[in-house]
């Protein structure tokens, strides 16, 4: 009887440890990413994009990025080079606009619109929840597929996500998520036909009130080989933003 009780105790301990270290589901990984990156506050930062294009050399684009998390509104105002100064990108509700200061006109755009011709897309500046946009790839039995890999020296989870809504930048994405932090380190984006369009890397993060914001992102154009853009954030402020900032009138007034 004592042997039986010891065996039962050992089995219980092993089961407890196995559940403690069990691999999370893809949905749990998505929810963890959403939770870590949802600030719930206003943020202002300078965004600098260094663009490298074949035959065109290297160009630098500077902007001021305003974001209001409570309704996922954001504004990008270009401040350099002079040819882009005063141009902007505004998202409010379900509307995306691109503003051109030389013609003082607004144009509706999609999430896959390039920011000033770089490899950064308008959708890259959003903070929409992954779990609302995508569903995990599952096997024939309906089990969510989560793979374990090494990305350099870091252990990661690899998950494949398929869009469940139409208004996304890419209908299929593959994420490599660091096990220790649940932060995305690498992301591959595919077209509807399955063509690899872009690979993104997120090598640097910072924490703000217990949440995470990337400081550097590298976007590699997989369709036009040799093109890439490096985006860096600096001068982050958490001061509350006036609602007037997220309006067309604000952009127009900057051009006067």
C-alpha atoms as a PDB file:
ATOM      1  CA  UNK A   1       0.000   0.000   0.000  1.00  0.00           C
ATOM      2  CA  UNK A   2       2.874   2.387   0.845  1.00  0.00           C
ATOM      3  CA  UNK A   3       4.512   1.645  -2.512  1.00  0.00           C
ATOM      4  CA  UNK A   4       1.213   2.323  -4.271  1.00  0.00           C
ATOM      5  CA  UNK A   5       0.805   5.669  -2.451  1.00  0.00           C
ATOM      6  CA  UNK A   6       4.390   6.700  -3.285  1.00  0.00           C
ATOM      7  CA  UNK A   7       3.857   5.762  -6.911  1.00  0.00           C
ATOM      8  CA  UNK A   8       0.605   7.717  -7.006  1.00  0.00           C
ATOM      9  CA  UNK A   9       2.349  10.735  -5.445  1.00  0.00           C
ATOM     10  CA  UNK A  10       5.170  10.536  -7.978  1.00  0.00           C
ATOM     11  CA  UNK A  11       2.706  10.361 -10.871  1.00  0.00           C
ATOM     12  CA  UNK A  12       0.826  13.374  -9.498  1.00  0.00           C
ATOM     13  CA  UNK A  13       4.044  15.381  -9.237  1.00  0.00           C
ATOM     14  CA  UNK A  14       5.061  14.447 -12.789  1.00  0.00           C
ATOM     15  CA  UNK A  15       1.641  15.431 -14.124  1.00  0.00           C
ATOM     16  CA  UNK A  16       1.835  18.753 -12.294  1.00  0.00           C
ATOM     17  CA  UNK A  17       5.257  19.492 -13.782  1.00  0.00           C
ATOM     18  CA  UNK A  18       4.167  18.440 -17.275  1.00  0.00           C
ATOM     19  CA  UNK A  19       1.183  20.798 -17.152  1.00  0.00           C
ATOM     20  CA  UNK A  20       3.395  23.579 -15.785  1.00  0.00           C
ATOM     21  CA  UNK A  21       5.779  23.310 -18.729  1.00  0.00           C
ATOM     22  CA  UNK A  22       3.234  22.295 -21.362  1.00  0.00           C
ATOM     23  CA  UNK A  23       3.546  23.994 -24.728  1.00  0.00           C
ATOM     24  CA  UNK A  24       1.017  26.825 -25.079  1.00  0.00           C
ATOM     25  CA  UNK A  25      -1.521  26.723 -27.881  1.00  0.00           C
ATOM     26  CA  UNK A  26      -1.216  29.099 -30.831  1.00  0.00           C
ATOM     27  CA  UNK A  27      -4.260  30.996 -29.558  1.00  0.00           C
ATOM     28  CA  UNK A  28      -2.622  31.429 -26.148  1.00  0.00           C
ATOM     29  CA  UNK A  29       0.530  32.746 -27.844  1.00  0.00           C
ATOM     30  CA  UNK A  30      -1.522  35.224 -29.895  1.00  0.00           C
ATOM     31  CA  UNK A  31      -3.364  36.439 -26.793  1.00  0.00           C
ATOM     32  CA  UNK A  32      -0.086  36.852 -24.920  1.00  0.00           C
ATOM     33  CA  UNK A  33       1.360  38.959 -27.781  1.00  0.00           C
ATOM     34  CA  UNK A  34      -1.771  41.125 -27.790  1.00  0.00           C
ATOM     35  CA  UNK A  35      -1.623  41.608 -24.022  1.00  0.00           C
ATOM     36  CA  UNK A  36       2.070  42.569 -23.978  1.00  0.00           C
ATOM     37  CA  UNK A  37       1.807  45.122 -26.785  1.00  0.00           C
ATOM     38  CA  UNK A  38      -1.495  46.809 -25.919  1.00  0.00           C
ATOM     39  CA  UNK A  39      -0.449  50.002 -24.116  1.00  0.00           C
ATOM     40  CA  UNK A  40      -3.884  51.482 -23.491  1.00  0.00           C
ATOM     41  CA  UNK A  41      -2.397  54.997 -23.401  1.00  0.00           C
ATOM     42  CA  UNK A  42      -1.374  57.783 -25.780  1.00  0.00           C
ATOM     43  CA  UNK A  43       2.107  57.720 -27.272  1.00  0.00           C
ATOM     44  CA  UNK A  44       4.225  60.102 -29.349  1.00  0.00           C
ATOM     45  CA  UNK A  45       7.553  59.127 -30.878  1.00  0.00           C
ATOM     46  CA  UNK A  46       9.920  59.996 -33.676  1.00  0.00           C
ATOM     47  CA  UNK A  47      10.054  57.299 -36.340  1.00  0.00           C
ATOM     48  CA  UNK A  48      13.074  57.174 -38.616  1.00  0.00           C
ATOM     49  CA  UNK A  49      13.087  54.883 -41.663  1.00  0.00           C
ATOM     50  CA  UNK A  50      16.316  54.144 -43.531  1.00  0.00           C
ATOM     51  CA  UNK A  51      15.425  52.765 -46.940  1.00  0.00           C
ATOM     52  CA  UNK A  52      17.726  50.789 -49.202  1.00  0.00           C
ATOM     53  CA  UNK A  53      16.556  50.199 -52.775  1.00  0.00           C
ATOM     54  CA  UNK A  54      18.413  48.569 -55.620  1.00  0.00           C
ATOM     55  CA  UNK A  55      19.693  51.227 -58.012  1.00  0.00           C
ATOM     56  CA  UNK A  56      18.533  54.080 -55.773  1.00  0.00           C
ATOM     57  CA  UNK A  57      20.979  53.933 -52.888  1.00  0.00           C
ATOM     58  CA  UNK A  58      20.040  54.768 -49.299  1.00  0.00           C
ATOM     59  CA  UNK A  59      17.447  57.337 -48.217  1.00  0.00           C
ATOM     60  CA  UNK A  60      16.286  58.430 -44.769  1.00  0.00           C
ATOM     61  CA  UNK A  61      12.701  59.408 -43.935  1.00  0.00           C
ATOM     62  CA  UNK A  62      11.831  61.017 -40.587  1.00  0.00           C
ATOM     63  CA  UNK A  63       8.357  61.388 -39.142  1.00  0.00           C
ATOM     64  CA  UNK A  64       6.453  62.035 -35.926  1.00  0.00           C
ATOM     65  CA  UNK A  65       4.114  59.200 -34.973  1.00  0.00           C
ATOM     66  CA  UNK A  66       1.086  59.796 -32.742  1.00  0.00           C
ATOM     67  CA  UNK A  67      -1.010  56.900 -31.461  1.00  0.00           C
ATOM     68  CA  UNK A  68      -4.158  56.759 -29.355  1.00  0.00           C
ATOM     69  CA  UNK A  69      -4.729  53.224 -28.152  1.00  0.00           C
ATOM     70  CA  UNK A  70      -8.281  53.488 -26.881  1.00  0.00           C
ATOM     71  CA  UNK A  71      -9.644  53.507 -30.452  1.00  0.00           C
ATOM     72  CA  UNK A  72      -6.486  52.502 -32.361  1.00  0.00           C
ATOM     73  CA  UNK A  73      -6.185  55.875 -34.079  1.00  0.00           C
ATOM     74  CA  UNK A  74      -2.821  57.050 -35.330  1.00  0.00           C
ATOM     75  CA  UNK A  75      -1.200  59.852 -37.296  1.00  0.00           C
ATOM     76  CA  UNK A  76       2.141  59.920 -39.114  1.00  0.00           C
ATOM     77  CA  UNK A  77       3.494  63.351 -40.064  1.00  0.00           C
ATOM     78  CA  UNK A  78       6.546  63.401 -42.328  1.00  0.00           C
ATOM     79  CA  UNK A  79       9.247  65.904 -41.318  1.00  0.00           C
ATOM     80  CA  UNK A  80      12.128  64.897 -43.651  1.00  0.00           C
ATOM     81  CA  UNK A  81      13.295  64.880 -46.392  1.00  0.00           C
ATOM     82  CA  UNK A  82      11.985  68.187 -47.746  1.00  0.00           C
ATOM     83  CA  UNK A  83      10.199  66.414 -50.606  1.00  0.00           C
ATOM     84  CA  UNK A  84       8.033  64.554 -48.052  1.00  0.00           C
ATOM     85  CA  UNK A  85       7.734  67.238 -45.372  1.00  0.00           C
ATOM     86  CA  UNK A  86       4.119  67.919 -44.430  1.00  0.00           C
ATOM     87  CA  UNK A  87       2.754  64.714 -45.947  1.00  0.00           C
ATOM     88  CA  UNK A  88       0.885  62.418 -43.610  1.00  0.00           C
ATOM     89  CA  UNK A  89      -1.043  59.221 -42.950  1.00  0.00           C
ATOM     90  CA  UNK A  90      -4.140  59.247 -40.756  1.00  0.00           C
ATOM     91  CA  UNK A  91      -6.204  56.392 -39.411  1.00  0.00           C
ATOM     92  CA  UNK A  92      -9.478  57.024 -37.576  1.00  0.00           C
ATOM     93  CA  UNK A  93     -12.080  54.301 -37.122  1.00  0.00           C
ATOM     94  CA  UNK A  94     -12.100  52.160 -40.250  1.00  0.00           C
ATOM     95  CA  UNK A  95     -10.701  54.944 -42.424  1.00  0.00           C
ATOM     96  CA  UNK A  96      -7.138  55.296 -43.708  1.00  0.00           C
ATOM     97  CA  UNK A  97      -6.084  58.480 -45.473  1.00  0.00           C
ATOM     98  CA  UNK A  98      -2.886  59.588 -47.147  1.00  0.00           C
ATOM     99  CA  UNK A  99      -2.389  63.374 -47.210  1.00  0.00           C
ATOM    100  CA  UNK A 100      -0.263  65.241 -49.765  1.00  0.00           C
ATOM    101  CA  UNK A 101       0.605  68.775 -48.680  1.00  0.00           C
ATOM    102  CA  UNK A 102       1.522  70.078 -52.161  1.00  0.00           C
ATOM    103  CA  UNK A 103      -2.008  69.416 -53.443  1.00  0.00           C
ATOM    104  CA  UNK A 104      -3.684  69.583 -50.001  1.00  0.00           C
ATOM    105  CA  UNK A 105      -5.675  66.458 -50.815  1.00  0.00           C
ATOM    106  CA  UNK A 106      -6.620  63.316 -48.918  1.00  0.00           C
ATOM    107  CA  UNK A 107      -6.800  59.888 -50.537  1.00  0.00           C
ATOM    108  CA  UNK A 108      -8.263  56.707 -49.063  1.00  0.00           C
ATOM    109  CA  UNK A 109      -5.641  53.972 -48.829  1.00  0.00           C
ATOM    110  CA  UNK A 110      -5.401  50.327 -47.789  1.00  0.00           C
ATOM    111  CA  UNK A 111      -3.304  48.828 -44.997  1.00  0.00           C
ATOM    112  CA  UNK A 112      -0.744  47.599 -47.509  1.00  0.00           C
ATOM    113  CA  UNK A 113       0.029  51.176 -48.626  1.00  0.00           C
ATOM    114  CA  UNK A 114       3.766  51.896 -48.489  1.00  0.00           C
ATOM    115  CA  UNK A 115       4.910  54.708 -46.187  1.00  0.00           C
ATOM    116  CA  UNK A 116       6.696  57.208 -48.475  1.00  0.00           C
ATOM    117  CA  UNK A 117       7.732  54.403 -50.819  1.00  0.00           C
ATOM    118  CA  UNK A 118       9.569  52.416 -48.119  1.00  0.00           C
ATOM    119  CA  UNK A 119       9.033  48.769 -47.172  1.00  0.00           C
ATOM    120  CA  UNK A 120       7.107  49.847 -44.062  1.00  0.00           C
ATOM    121  CA  UNK A 121       3.346  49.558 -44.590  1.00  0.00           C
ATOM    122  CA  UNK A 122       0.535  51.614 -43.104  1.00  0.00           C
ATOM    123  CA  UNK A 123      -0.662  48.456 -41.351  1.00  0.00           C
ATOM    124  CA  UNK A 124       2.691  48.118 -39.570  1.00  0.00           C
ATOM    125  CA  UNK A 125       1.795  51.153 -37.444  1.00  0.00           C
ATOM    126  CA  UNK A 126      -1.517  49.731 -36.254  1.00  0.00           C
ATOM    127  CA  UNK A 127      -2.072  48.016 -32.938  1.00  0.00           C
ATOM    128  CA  UNK A 128      -4.996  45.771 -33.800  1.00  0.00           C
ATOM    129  CA  UNK A 129      -5.313  42.489 -31.917  1.00  0.00           C
ATOM    130  CA  UNK A 130      -3.946  39.434 -33.705  1.00  0.00           C
ATOM    131  CA  UNK A 131      -6.705  37.285 -32.213  1.00  0.00           C
ATOM    132  CA  UNK A 132      -9.351  39.479 -33.869  1.00  0.00           C
ATOM    133  CA  UNK A 133      -7.727  39.293 -37.310  1.00  0.00           C
ATOM    134  CA  UNK A 134      -6.264  35.801 -37.586  1.00  0.00           C
ATOM    135  CA  UNK A 135      -6.846  32.179 -36.683  1.00  0.00           C
ATOM    136  CA  UNK A 136      -4.046  29.640 -36.141  1.00  0.00           C
ATOM    137  CA  UNK A 137      -3.253  26.993 -38.720  1.00  0.00           C
ATOM    138  CA  UNK A 138      -4.449  23.576 -37.495  1.00  0.00           C
ATOM    139  CA  UNK A 139      -3.681  19.986 -38.450  1.00  0.00           C
ATOM    140  CA  UNK A 140      -6.114  17.435 -39.893  1.00  0.00           C
ATOM    141  CA  UNK A 141      -7.510  16.725 -36.419  1.00  0.00           C
ATOM    142  CA  UNK A 142      -8.138  20.400 -35.752  1.00  0.00           C
ATOM    143  CA  UNK A 143      -5.233  20.820 -33.313  1.00  0.00           C
ATOM    144  CA  UNK A 144      -3.459  24.154 -33.508  1.00  0.00           C
ATOM    145  CA  UNK A 145       0.064  23.787 -34.887  1.00  0.00           C
ATOM    146  CA  UNK A 146       2.874  25.126 -32.693  1.00  0.00           C
ATOM    147  CA  UNK A 147       6.479  24.290 -33.568  1.00  0.00           C
ATOM    148  CA  UNK A 148       9.585  24.730 -31.437  1.00  0.00           C
ATOM    149  CA  UNK A 149      12.689  26.109 -33.148  1.00  0.00           C
ATOM    150  CA  UNK A 150      15.865  28.072 -32.548  1.00  0.00           C
ATOM    151  CA  UNK A 151      16.126  31.573 -34.020  1.00  0.00           C
ATOM    152  CA  UNK A 152      19.825  32.203 -33.714  1.00  0.00           C
ATOM    153  CA  UNK A 153      20.501  31.393 -30.066  1.00  0.00           C
ATOM    154  CA  UNK A 154      16.961  32.039 -28.883  1.00  0.00           C
ATOM    155  CA  UNK A 155      14.333  29.298 -28.395  1.00  0.00           C
ATOM    156  CA  UNK A 156      11.105  30.295 -30.146  1.00  0.00           C
ATOM    157  CA  UNK A 157       7.597  29.130 -30.911  1.00  0.00           C
ATOM    158  CA  UNK A 158       6.663  29.157 -34.574  1.00  0.00           C
ATOM    159  CA  UNK A 159       2.995  29.663 -35.462  1.00  0.00           C
ATOM    160  CA  UNK A 160       1.221  30.156 -38.778  1.00  0.00           C
ATOM    161  CA  UNK A 161      -1.783  32.494 -38.854  1.00  0.00           C
ATOM    162  CA  UNK A 162      -4.519  32.703 -41.490  1.00  0.00           C
ATOM    163  CA  UNK A 163      -6.661  35.833 -41.818  1.00  0.00           C
ATOM    164  CA  UNK A 164     -10.292  35.505 -40.762  1.00  0.00           C
ATOM    165  CA  UNK A 165     -11.217  39.027 -41.914  1.00  0.00           C
ATOM    166  CA  UNK A 166     -10.612  40.722 -45.259  1.00  0.00           C
ATOM    167  CA  UNK A 167      -9.117  44.058 -44.161  1.00  0.00           C
ATOM    168  CA  UNK A 168      -5.626  42.859 -43.264  1.00  0.00           C
ATOM    169  CA  UNK A 169      -2.289  43.777 -44.813  1.00  0.00           C
ATOM    170  CA  UNK A 170      -1.420  40.126 -45.499  1.00  0.00           C
ATOM    171  CA  UNK A 171      -3.770  37.096 -45.536  1.00  0.00           C
ATOM    172  CA  UNK A 172      -1.139  34.734 -44.120  1.00  0.00           C
ATOM    173  CA  UNK A 173       1.633  35.328 -41.595  1.00  0.00           C
ATOM    174  CA  UNK A 174       4.206  33.165 -39.848  1.00  0.00           C
ATOM    175  CA  UNK A 175       5.517  34.303 -36.464  1.00  0.00           C
ATOM    176  CA  UNK A 176       8.639  33.287 -34.558  1.00  0.00           C
ATOM    177  CA  UNK A 177       7.915  34.198 -30.923  1.00  0.00           C
ATOM    178  CA  UNK A 178      10.535  34.171 -28.181  1.00  0.00           C
ATOM    179  CA  UNK A 179       9.619  31.554 -25.569  1.00  0.00           C
ATOM    180  CA  UNK A 180      10.896  33.527 -22.583  1.00  0.00           C
ATOM    181  CA  UNK A 181       8.987  36.738 -23.339  1.00  0.00           C
ATOM    182  CA  UNK A 182       6.333  35.913 -25.978  1.00  0.00           C
ATOM    183  CA  UNK A 183       7.671  38.792 -28.082  1.00  0.00           C
ATOM    184  CA  UNK A 184       7.636  38.420 -31.890  1.00  0.00           C
ATOM    185  CA  UNK A 185      11.209  38.326 -33.194  1.00  0.00           C
ATOM    186  CA  UNK A 186      10.548  37.436 -36.828  1.00  0.00           C
ATOM    187  CA  UNK A 187       7.516  37.594 -39.077  1.00  0.00           C
ATOM    188  CA  UNK A 188       6.963  36.427 -42.651  1.00  0.00           C
ATOM    189  CA  UNK A 189       4.044  37.789 -44.663  1.00  0.00           C
ATOM    190  CA  UNK A 190       2.415  36.102 -47.649  1.00  0.00           C
ATOM    191  CA  UNK A 191       0.049  37.137 -50.423  1.00  0.00           C
ATOM    192  CA  UNK A 192      -3.235  35.378 -51.148  1.00  0.00           C
ATOM    193  CA  UNK A 193      -1.442  33.217 -53.736  1.00  0.00           C
ATOM    194  CA  UNK A 194       1.088  32.087 -51.124  1.00  0.00           C
ATOM    195  CA  UNK A 195       3.988  34.238 -52.347  1.00  0.00           C
ATOM    196  CA  UNK A 196       6.379  35.418 -49.640  1.00  0.00           C
ATOM    197  CA  UNK A 197       6.177  39.208 -49.791  1.00  0.00           C
ATOM    198  CA  UNK A 198       8.053  40.443 -46.747  1.00  0.00           C
ATOM    199  CA  UNK A 199      10.162  39.282 -43.818  1.00  0.00           C
ATOM    200  CA  UNK A 200      10.256  41.485 -40.732  1.00  0.00           C
ATOM    201  CA  UNK A 201      12.645  41.296 -37.784  1.00  0.00           C
ATOM    202  CA  UNK A 202      12.167  42.940 -34.371  1.00  0.00           C
ATOM    203  CA  UNK A 203      15.576  42.852 -32.642  1.00  0.00           C
ATOM    204  CA  UNK A 204      15.018  45.642 -30.072  1.00  0.00           C
ATOM    205  CA  UNK A 205      12.191  46.288 -27.603  1.00  0.00           C
ATOM    206  CA  UNK A 206      11.655  48.587 -24.650  1.00  0.00           C
ATOM    207  CA  UNK A 207       9.143  48.368 -21.799  1.00  0.00           C
ATOM    208  CA  UNK A 208       6.632  51.090 -20.994  1.00  0.00           C
ATOM    209  CA  UNK A 209       4.475  50.603 -17.897  1.00  0.00           C
ATOM    210  CA  UNK A 210       4.914  46.855 -18.153  1.00  0.00           C
ATOM    211  CA  UNK A 211       4.079  46.761 -21.877  1.00  0.00           C
ATOM    212  CA  UNK A 212       6.411  46.326 -24.831  1.00  0.00           C
ATOM    213  CA  UNK A 213       7.167  48.636 -27.768  1.00  0.00           C
ATOM    214  CA  UNK A 214       9.684  47.743 -30.447  1.00  0.00           C
ATOM    215  CA  UNK A 215      12.552  50.193 -30.898  1.00  0.00           C
ATOM    216  CA  UNK A 216      13.812  48.746 -34.161  1.00  0.00           C
ATOM    217  CA  UNK A 217      12.138  46.844 -36.983  1.00  0.00           C
ATOM    218  CA  UNK A 218      13.779  45.588 -40.180  1.00  0.00           C
ATOM    219  CA  UNK A 219      11.514  45.042 -43.202  1.00  0.00           C
ATOM    220  CA  UNK A 220      13.007  42.961 -46.010  1.00  0.00           C
ATOM    221  CA  UNK A 221      11.262  43.048 -49.380  1.00  0.00           C
ATOM    222  CA  UNK A 222      11.135  39.426 -50.556  1.00  0.00           C
ATOM    223  CA  UNK A 223       9.378  40.257 -53.835  1.00  0.00           C
ATOM    224  CA  UNK A 224      11.913  42.807 -55.062  1.00  0.00           C
ATOM    225  CA  UNK A 225      15.159  41.344 -53.822  1.00  0.00           C
ATOM    226  CA  UNK A 226      17.734  43.724 -52.400  1.00  0.00           C
ATOM    227  CA  UNK A 227      15.232  46.220 -51.008  1.00  0.00           C
ATOM    228  CA  UNK A 228      14.848  46.720 -47.269  1.00  0.00           C
ATOM    229  CA  UNK A 229      13.884  49.362 -44.715  1.00  0.00           C
ATOM    230  CA  UNK A 230      15.003  49.796 -41.117  1.00  0.00           C
ATOM    231  CA  UNK A 231      12.636  51.657 -38.809  1.00  0.00           C
ATOM    232  CA  UNK A 232      13.752  53.003 -35.432  1.00  0.00           C
ATOM    233  CA  UNK A 233      11.708  54.742 -32.740  1.00  0.00           C
ATOM    234  CA  UNK A 234      13.151  57.343 -30.368  1.00  0.00           C
ATOM    235  CA  UNK A 235      12.067  60.141 -28.022  1.00  0.00           C
ATOM    236  CA  UNK A 236       9.013  58.264 -26.783  1.00  0.00           C
ATOM    237  CA  UNK A 237       6.498  60.389 -24.825  1.00  0.00           C
ATOM    238  CA  UNK A 238       3.400  59.188 -22.966  1.00  0.00           C
ATOM    239  CA  UNK A 239       1.838  62.631 -22.522  1.00  0.00           C
ATOM    240  CA  UNK A 240      -1.925  62.693 -23.268  1.00  0.00           C
ATOM    241  CA  UNK A 241      -2.738  63.783 -26.822  1.00  0.00           C
ATOM    242  CA  UNK A 242      -5.379  66.297 -27.850  1.00  0.00           C
ATOM    243  CA  UNK A 243      -8.165  64.680 -29.858  1.00  0.00           C
ATOM    244  CA  UNK A 244      -7.717  67.384 -32.514  1.00  0.00           C
ATOM    245  CA  UNK A 245      -4.441  65.741 -33.546  1.00  0.00           C
ATOM    246  CA  UNK A 246      -6.338  62.839 -35.080  1.00  0.00           C
ATOM    247  CA  UNK A 247      -8.207  64.968 -37.615  1.00  0.00           C
ATOM    248  CA  UNK A 248      -7.793  66.035 -41.219  1.00  0.00           C
ATOM    249  CA  UNK A 249      -7.861  69.662 -40.117  1.00  0.00           C
ATOM    250  CA  UNK A 250      -4.741  69.166 -37.994  1.00  0.00           C
ATOM    251  CA  UNK A 251      -2.783  67.852 -40.989  1.00  0.00           C
ATOM    252  CA  UNK A 252      -4.031  70.665 -43.220  1.00  0.00           C
ATOM    253  CA  UNK A 253      -3.042  73.312 -40.656  1.00  0.00           C
ATOM    254  CA  UNK A 254       0.510  71.969 -40.573  1.00  0.00           C
ATOM    255  CA  UNK A 255       0.817  72.857 -44.263  1.00  0.00           C
ATOM    256  CA  UNK A 256      -0.176  76.502 -43.851  1.00  0.00           C
END
